[in-house]
Amino acid sequence: MGNFDMALRPEQQTPAAGLASVGLAFRRALVSQCHPKMLLAIFMPFLVALVGAIILLWLFWTPLTNWLDAQAAGWTIINSIDQWLLALGLFSIKLYLIPVLAAGILLPLSGILGLVVAAVFIMPIVLRHIEAREYRGLARDGQFATLVGAQNALWVTGVFVVGWLVTMPLWLVPPLSLILPVFWWAYAFSRMLRMDALVEHASSRERKLLWRRHNGKYWLIGGILSVANLFPPLWLVLPVFSALVFAHFSLEALRQLRQEALINGRTL
């Protein structure tokens, strides 16, 4: 492990512990987000997600809605509710349900593509930016960062897509229609960005130690960001802001881990 710069600023001499470390990461990310470089970085993942959404909707909207409409013929409960509403002279629930389901399938695919771009391409820019300003001297001990990050992004994306599609029928249960999207986006944020935030600086052993120590906090950060993801106006800034939050939290945690090892005379 490289030499660690012990000349810390006052706010870094008494590092935040517990949930305070999560709040500190969000505050630092908010400050970093206001930098012109980070404001410009917003547009890459947003444009990728936007173009991806347009292409997916253009190519798959009609065949997907036709397929869902054909499948809906076998949905006994939905058909019963639909007939009851029509008998009352109201509206057909399937007229609205099919487009909602189609959008619920296609739009998250473009969203996860934007997150992949943020993780693989924006995160290195984020790390260089905040490293020079707040984490100078933190040695880069990661190996095969690009390969490891790309493999992780593919794995997380695959699990997210399959999990999202398989659990969509459970959206018909009212609480799960809100809980499941939040859960799957929390999974995507936490599992993808925690890797890319550390892969350049932390060794494999350090990453495992930090993930085990801070697993709950990573999920908390992912959960907060996934709730924010429910509000479309935030989609513009969320990929880069999420990268900043995970980067600040992870590099501060790595710095504290190495300080502990240095004080206790251990080798990580």
Protein backbone atom coordinates (compact mmCIF):
# COMPACT_ATOMS: atom_id res chain seq x y z
CA MET A 1 0.00 0.00 0.00
CA GLY A 2 1.34 3.42 -0.94
CA ASN A 3 2.18 6.20 1.47
CA PHE A 4 -0.82 7.87 2.98
CA ASP A 5 -1.00 11.60 3.41
CA MET A 6 -1.54 12.24 7.13
CA ALA A 7 -2.00 15.99 6.73
CA LEU A 8 -5.77 16.02 6.91
CA ARG A 9 -8.01 19.02 6.99
CA PRO A 10 -9.86 19.73 10.26
CA GLU A 11 -13.11 18.12 9.09
CA GLN A 12 -11.18 14.93 8.27
CA GLN A 13 -9.33 14.59 11.57
CA THR A 14 -12.47 13.38 13.38
CA PRO A 15 -14.14 11.25 10.71
CA ALA A 16 -17.90 10.83 10.79
CA ALA A 17 -19.11 7.52 12.13
CA GLY A 18 -22.34 5.57 11.80
CA LEU A 19 -25.15 7.21 9.86
CA ALA A 20 -23.33 10.55 10.07
CA SER A 21 -20.90 9.21 7.46
CA VAL A 22 -23.81 8.78 5.04
CA GLY A 23 -24.94 12.35 5.64
CA LEU A 24 -21.38 13.58 5.15
CA ALA A 25 -21.16 11.78 1.82
CA PHE A 26 -24.38 13.41 0.61
CA ARG A 27 -23.22 16.87 1.71
CA ARG A 28 -19.87 16.49 -0.01
CA ALA A 29 -21.56 15.15 -3.14
CA LEU A 30 -23.89 18.14 -3.24
CA VAL A 31 -20.93 20.54 -3.07
CA SER A 32 -19.03 18.58 -5.73
CA GLN A 33 -22.08 18.46 -8.00
CA CYS A 34 -22.10 22.26 -8.20
CA HIS A 35 -18.63 22.31 -9.79
CA PRO A 36 -18.77 23.18 -13.52
CA LYS A 37 -17.02 19.95 -14.51
CA MET A 38 -19.57 17.84 -12.66
CA LEU A 39 -22.45 19.89 -14.08
CA LEU A 40 -21.18 19.18 -17.59
CA ALA A 41 -20.79 15.48 -16.76
CA ILE A 42 -24.54 15.29 -16.12
CA PHE A 43 -25.39 15.26 -19.80
CA MET A 44 -23.62 12.06 -20.92
CA PRO A 45 -25.65 9.49 -18.92
CA PHE A 46 -28.83 11.54 -19.36
CA LEU A 47 -28.43 11.63 -23.15
CA VAL A 48 -27.61 7.91 -23.24
CA ALA A 49 -30.72 7.10 -21.18
CA LEU A 50 -32.86 9.44 -23.31
CA VAL A 51 -31.64 8.04 -26.63
CA GLY A 52 -31.98 4.51 -25.23
CA ALA A 53 -35.57 5.22 -24.19
CA ILE A 54 -36.45 6.61 -27.63
CA ILE A 55 -34.92 3.62 -29.42
CA LEU A 56 -36.53 1.07 -27.10
CA LEU A 57 -39.96 2.71 -27.39
CA TRP A 58 -39.67 3.02 -31.16
CA LEU A 59 -38.56 -0.58 -31.71
CA PHE A 60 -40.48 -2.47 -29.05
CA TRP A 61 -43.56 -0.45 -28.01
CA THR A 62 -45.99 -1.91 -30.56
CA PRO A 63 -44.87 -5.58 -30.38
CA LEU A 64 -44.68 -5.41 -26.58
CA THR A 65 -48.14 -3.87 -26.13
CA ASN A 66 -49.60 -6.38 -28.61
CA TRP A 67 -48.01 -9.25 -26.68
CA LEU A 68 -49.22 -7.90 -23.34
CA ASP A 69 -52.72 -7.44 -24.75
CA ALA A 70 -52.74 -11.07 -25.91
CA GLN A 71 -51.49 -12.24 -22.51
CA ALA A 72 -54.12 -10.16 -20.74
CA ALA A 73 -56.80 -12.45 -22.12
CA GLY A 74 -55.73 -15.03 -19.55
CA TRP A 75 -55.61 -12.69 -16.55
CA THR A 76 -58.75 -13.82 -14.77
CA ILE A 77 -58.77 -11.23 -11.99
CA ILE A 78 -57.98 -8.34 -14.33
CA ASN A 79 -60.66 -9.47 -16.77
CA SER A 80 -63.24 -9.70 -13.97
CA ILE A 81 -62.41 -6.18 -12.77
CA ASP A 82 -62.45 -4.94 -16.36
CA GLN A 83 -65.91 -6.40 -17.01
CA TRP A 84 -67.23 -4.99 -13.74
CA LEU A 85 -65.98 -1.48 -14.57
CA LEU A 86 -67.43 -1.66 -18.09
CA ALA A 87 -70.76 -2.85 -16.70
CA LEU A 88 -70.84 0.26 -14.52
CA GLY A 89 -70.25 2.36 -17.62
CA LEU A 90 -66.81 3.50 -16.48
CA PHE A 91 -63.67 2.50 -18.39
CA SER A 92 -61.58 -0.51 -19.38
CA ILE A 93 -58.74 -1.04 -16.93
CA LYS A 94 -56.76 -2.90 -19.59
CA LEU A 95 -56.84 0.21 -21.77
CA TYR A 96 -54.58 1.90 -19.21
CA LEU A 97 -52.85 -1.14 -17.68
CA ILE A 98 -51.18 -2.36 -20.89
CA PRO A 99 -49.37 0.94 -21.67
CA VAL A 100 -48.33 1.30 -18.02
CA LEU A 101 -46.86 -2.21 -18.00
CA ALA A 102 -45.08 -1.60 -21.32
CA ALA A 103 -43.56 1.62 -19.99
CA GLY A 104 -42.66 -0.17 -16.75
CA ILE A 105 -40.66 -2.67 -18.79
CA LEU A 106 -38.95 -0.41 -21.33
CA LEU A 107 -38.13 2.75 -19.38
CA PRO A 108 -36.14 1.01 -16.60
CA LEU A 109 -34.01 -0.60 -19.30
CA SER A 110 -32.96 2.84 -20.52
CA GLY A 111 -32.49 3.97 -16.92
CA ILE A 112 -30.13 1.10 -16.06
CA LEU A 113 -28.20 1.88 -19.25
CA GLY A 114 -27.69 5.45 -18.00
CA LEU A 115 -26.49 4.08 -14.65
CA VAL A 116 -24.01 1.79 -16.40
CA VAL A 117 -22.61 4.77 -18.28
CA ALA A 118 -22.30 6.68 -15.00
CA ALA A 119 -20.55 3.73 -13.34
CA VAL A 120 -18.12 2.82 -16.11
CA PHE A 121 -17.39 6.16 -17.80
CA ILE A 122 -18.42 8.95 -15.41
CA MET A 123 -17.07 7.43 -12.18
CA PRO A 124 -13.39 7.72 -13.28
CA ILE A 125 -13.98 11.42 -14.00
CA VAL A 126 -15.66 11.81 -10.60
CA LEU A 127 -12.81 10.04 -8.83
CA ARG A 128 -10.13 12.18 -10.43
CA HIS A 129 -12.08 15.31 -9.58
CA ILE A 130 -12.69 14.64 -5.89
CA GLU A 131 -9.35 12.85 -5.36
CA ALA A 132 -7.41 15.97 -6.29
CA ARG A 133 -9.53 18.12 -4.00
CA GLU A 134 -10.32 16.02 -0.92
CA TYR A 135 -8.48 12.69 -1.01
CA ARG A 136 -5.00 13.67 -2.13
CA GLY A 137 -2.45 11.04 -1.15
CA LEU A 138 -4.90 8.12 -1.12
CA ALA A 139 -2.91 5.46 -2.97
CA ARG A 140 -4.43 3.67 -5.95
CA ASP A 141 -3.98 -0.01 -5.10
CA GLY A 142 -6.69 -1.46 -7.35
CA GLN A 143 -5.84 -3.83 -10.17
CA PHE A 144 -7.61 -4.49 -13.50
CA ALA A 145 -10.07 -1.72 -12.62
CA THR A 146 -11.70 -1.45 -16.06
CA LEU A 147 -12.20 -5.20 -16.44
CA VAL A 148 -13.50 -5.69 -12.89
CA GLY A 149 -15.85 -2.71 -13.20
CA ALA A 150 -17.21 -3.85 -16.57
CA GLN A 151 -17.83 -7.40 -15.32
CA ASN A 152 -19.63 -6.08 -12.27
CA ALA A 153 -21.76 -3.72 -14.38
CA LEU A 154 -22.83 -6.58 -16.66
CA TRP A 155 -23.67 -8.83 -13.70
CA VAL A 156 -25.67 -6.18 -11.83
CA THR A 157 -27.52 -5.16 -15.00
CA GLY A 158 -28.46 -8.77 -15.72
CA VAL A 159 -29.75 -9.40 -12.20
CA PHE A 160 -31.65 -6.09 -12.23
CA VAL A 161 -33.37 -6.74 -15.57
CA VAL A 162 -34.32 -10.33 -14.75
CA GLY A 163 -35.43 -9.45 -11.22
CA TRP A 164 -37.46 -6.47 -12.42
CA LEU A 165 -39.30 -8.50 -15.09
CA VAL A 166 -39.90 -11.57 -12.91
CA THR A 167 -41.35 -9.57 -10.02
CA MET A 168 -43.52 -7.24 -12.13
CA PRO A 169 -46.67 -9.38 -11.66
CA LEU A 170 -46.38 -8.68 -7.93
CA TRP A 171 -46.99 -4.99 -8.67
CA LEU A 172 -50.70 -5.86 -8.61
CA VAL A 173 -50.36 -6.15 -4.83
CA PRO A 174 -50.61 -2.45 -3.81
CA PRO A 175 -47.68 -2.15 -1.33
CA LEU A 176 -45.33 -4.08 -3.62
CA SER A 177 -45.99 -1.76 -6.55
CA LEU A 178 -43.93 0.83 -4.65
CA ILE A 179 -41.61 -1.40 -2.63
CA LEU A 180 -40.31 -3.51 -5.53
CA PRO A 181 -39.12 -0.65 -7.80
CA VAL A 182 -37.39 0.99 -4.82
CA PHE A 183 -35.76 -2.32 -3.88
CA TRP A 184 -34.47 -3.10 -7.37
CA TRP A 185 -33.10 0.40 -7.93
CA ALA A 186 -31.47 0.33 -4.48
CA TYR A 187 -29.85 -2.95 -5.53
CA ALA A 188 -28.64 -1.43 -8.82
CA PHE A 189 -27.25 1.74 -7.22
CA SER A 190 -25.53 0.01 -4.31
CA ARG A 191 -24.10 -3.03 -6.10
CA MET A 192 -22.90 -1.20 -9.19
CA LEU A 193 -21.54 2.06 -7.77
CA ARG A 194 -19.88 0.66 -4.64
CA MET A 195 -17.60 -1.37 -6.91
CA ASP A 196 -16.71 1.45 -9.29
CA ALA A 197 -16.14 3.88 -6.42
CA LEU A 198 -13.44 1.62 -4.95
CA VAL A 199 -12.05 -0.47 -7.78
CA GLU A 200 -9.28 2.00 -8.72
CA HIS A 201 -8.09 2.75 -5.16
CA ALA A 202 -8.81 -0.32 -3.03
CA SER A 203 -7.29 -3.77 -3.28
CA SER A 204 -9.59 -6.77 -3.50
CA ARG A 205 -9.11 -7.45 0.22
CA GLU A 206 -9.85 -3.84 1.14
CA ARG A 207 -13.02 -3.85 -0.94
CA LYS A 208 -14.32 -6.97 0.79
CA LEU A 209 -13.54 -5.52 4.23
CA LEU A 210 -15.32 -2.26 3.43
CA TRP A 211 -18.35 -3.94 1.89
CA ARG A 212 -18.72 -6.19 4.91
CA ARG A 213 -18.28 -3.32 7.35
CA HIS A 214 -20.56 -0.85 5.53
CA ASN A 215 -23.05 -3.10 3.75
CA GLY A 216 -26.04 -1.57 5.55
CA LYS A 217 -24.89 1.97 4.76
CA TYR A 218 -24.38 1.14 1.09
CA TRP A 219 -27.94 -0.17 0.98
CA LEU A 220 -29.17 2.94 2.81
CA ILE A 221 -27.49 5.20 0.26
CA GLY A 222 -28.90 3.09 -2.57
CA GLY A 223 -32.37 3.24 -0.97
CA ILE A 224 -32.30 7.03 -0.63
CA LEU A 225 -31.21 7.40 -4.24
CA SER A 226 -33.82 4.91 -5.46
CA VAL A 227 -36.58 6.90 -3.72
CA ALA A 228 -35.24 10.03 -5.42
CA ASN A 229 -35.38 8.06 -8.68
CA LEU A 230 -39.19 8.01 -8.37
CA PHE A 231 -39.27 11.72 -9.25
CA PRO A 232 -38.64 12.28 -13.00
CA PRO A 233 -37.10 15.80 -12.66
CA LEU A 234 -34.22 14.24 -10.70
CA TRP A 235 -33.38 11.81 -13.49
CA LEU A 236 -31.22 14.49 -15.10
CA VAL A 237 -28.74 14.76 -12.20
CA LEU A 238 -29.14 11.42 -10.43
CA PRO A 239 -26.56 9.27 -12.29
CA VAL A 240 -23.66 11.70 -11.67
CA PHE A 241 -24.85 12.73 -8.20
CA SER A 242 -25.13 9.04 -7.24
CA ALA A 243 -21.56 8.44 -8.43
CA LEU A 244 -20.42 11.39 -6.30
CA VAL A 245 -22.19 10.12 -3.18
CA PHE A 246 -20.76 6.62 -3.49
CA ALA A 247 -17.31 7.96 -4.34
CA HIS A 248 -17.20 10.29 -1.33
CA PHE A 249 -18.52 7.64 1.04
CA SER A 250 -16.22 4.90 -0.25
CA LEU A 251 -13.00 6.91 -0.41
CA GLU A 252 -13.58 8.32 3.08
CA ALA A 253 -14.23 4.78 4.37
CA LEU A 254 -11.07 3.55 2.64
CA ARG A 255 -9.06 6.39 4.12
CA GLN A 256 -10.30 5.53 7.62
CA LEU A 257 -9.58 1.84 7.08
CA ARG A 258 -5.99 2.57 6.12
CA GLN A 259 -5.58 4.94 9.03
CA GLU A 260 -6.73 2.20 11.40
CA ALA A 261 -4.28 -0.24 9.84
CA LEU A 262 -1.47 2.32 10.12
CA ILE A 263 -2.23 3.09 13.78
CA ASN A 264 -2.55 -0.58 14.71
CA GLY A 265 0.47 -1.63 12.67
CA ARG A 266 -1.52 -4.04 10.52
CA THR A 267 -1.05 -4.86 6.86
CA LEU A 268 -4.19 -4.99 4.74
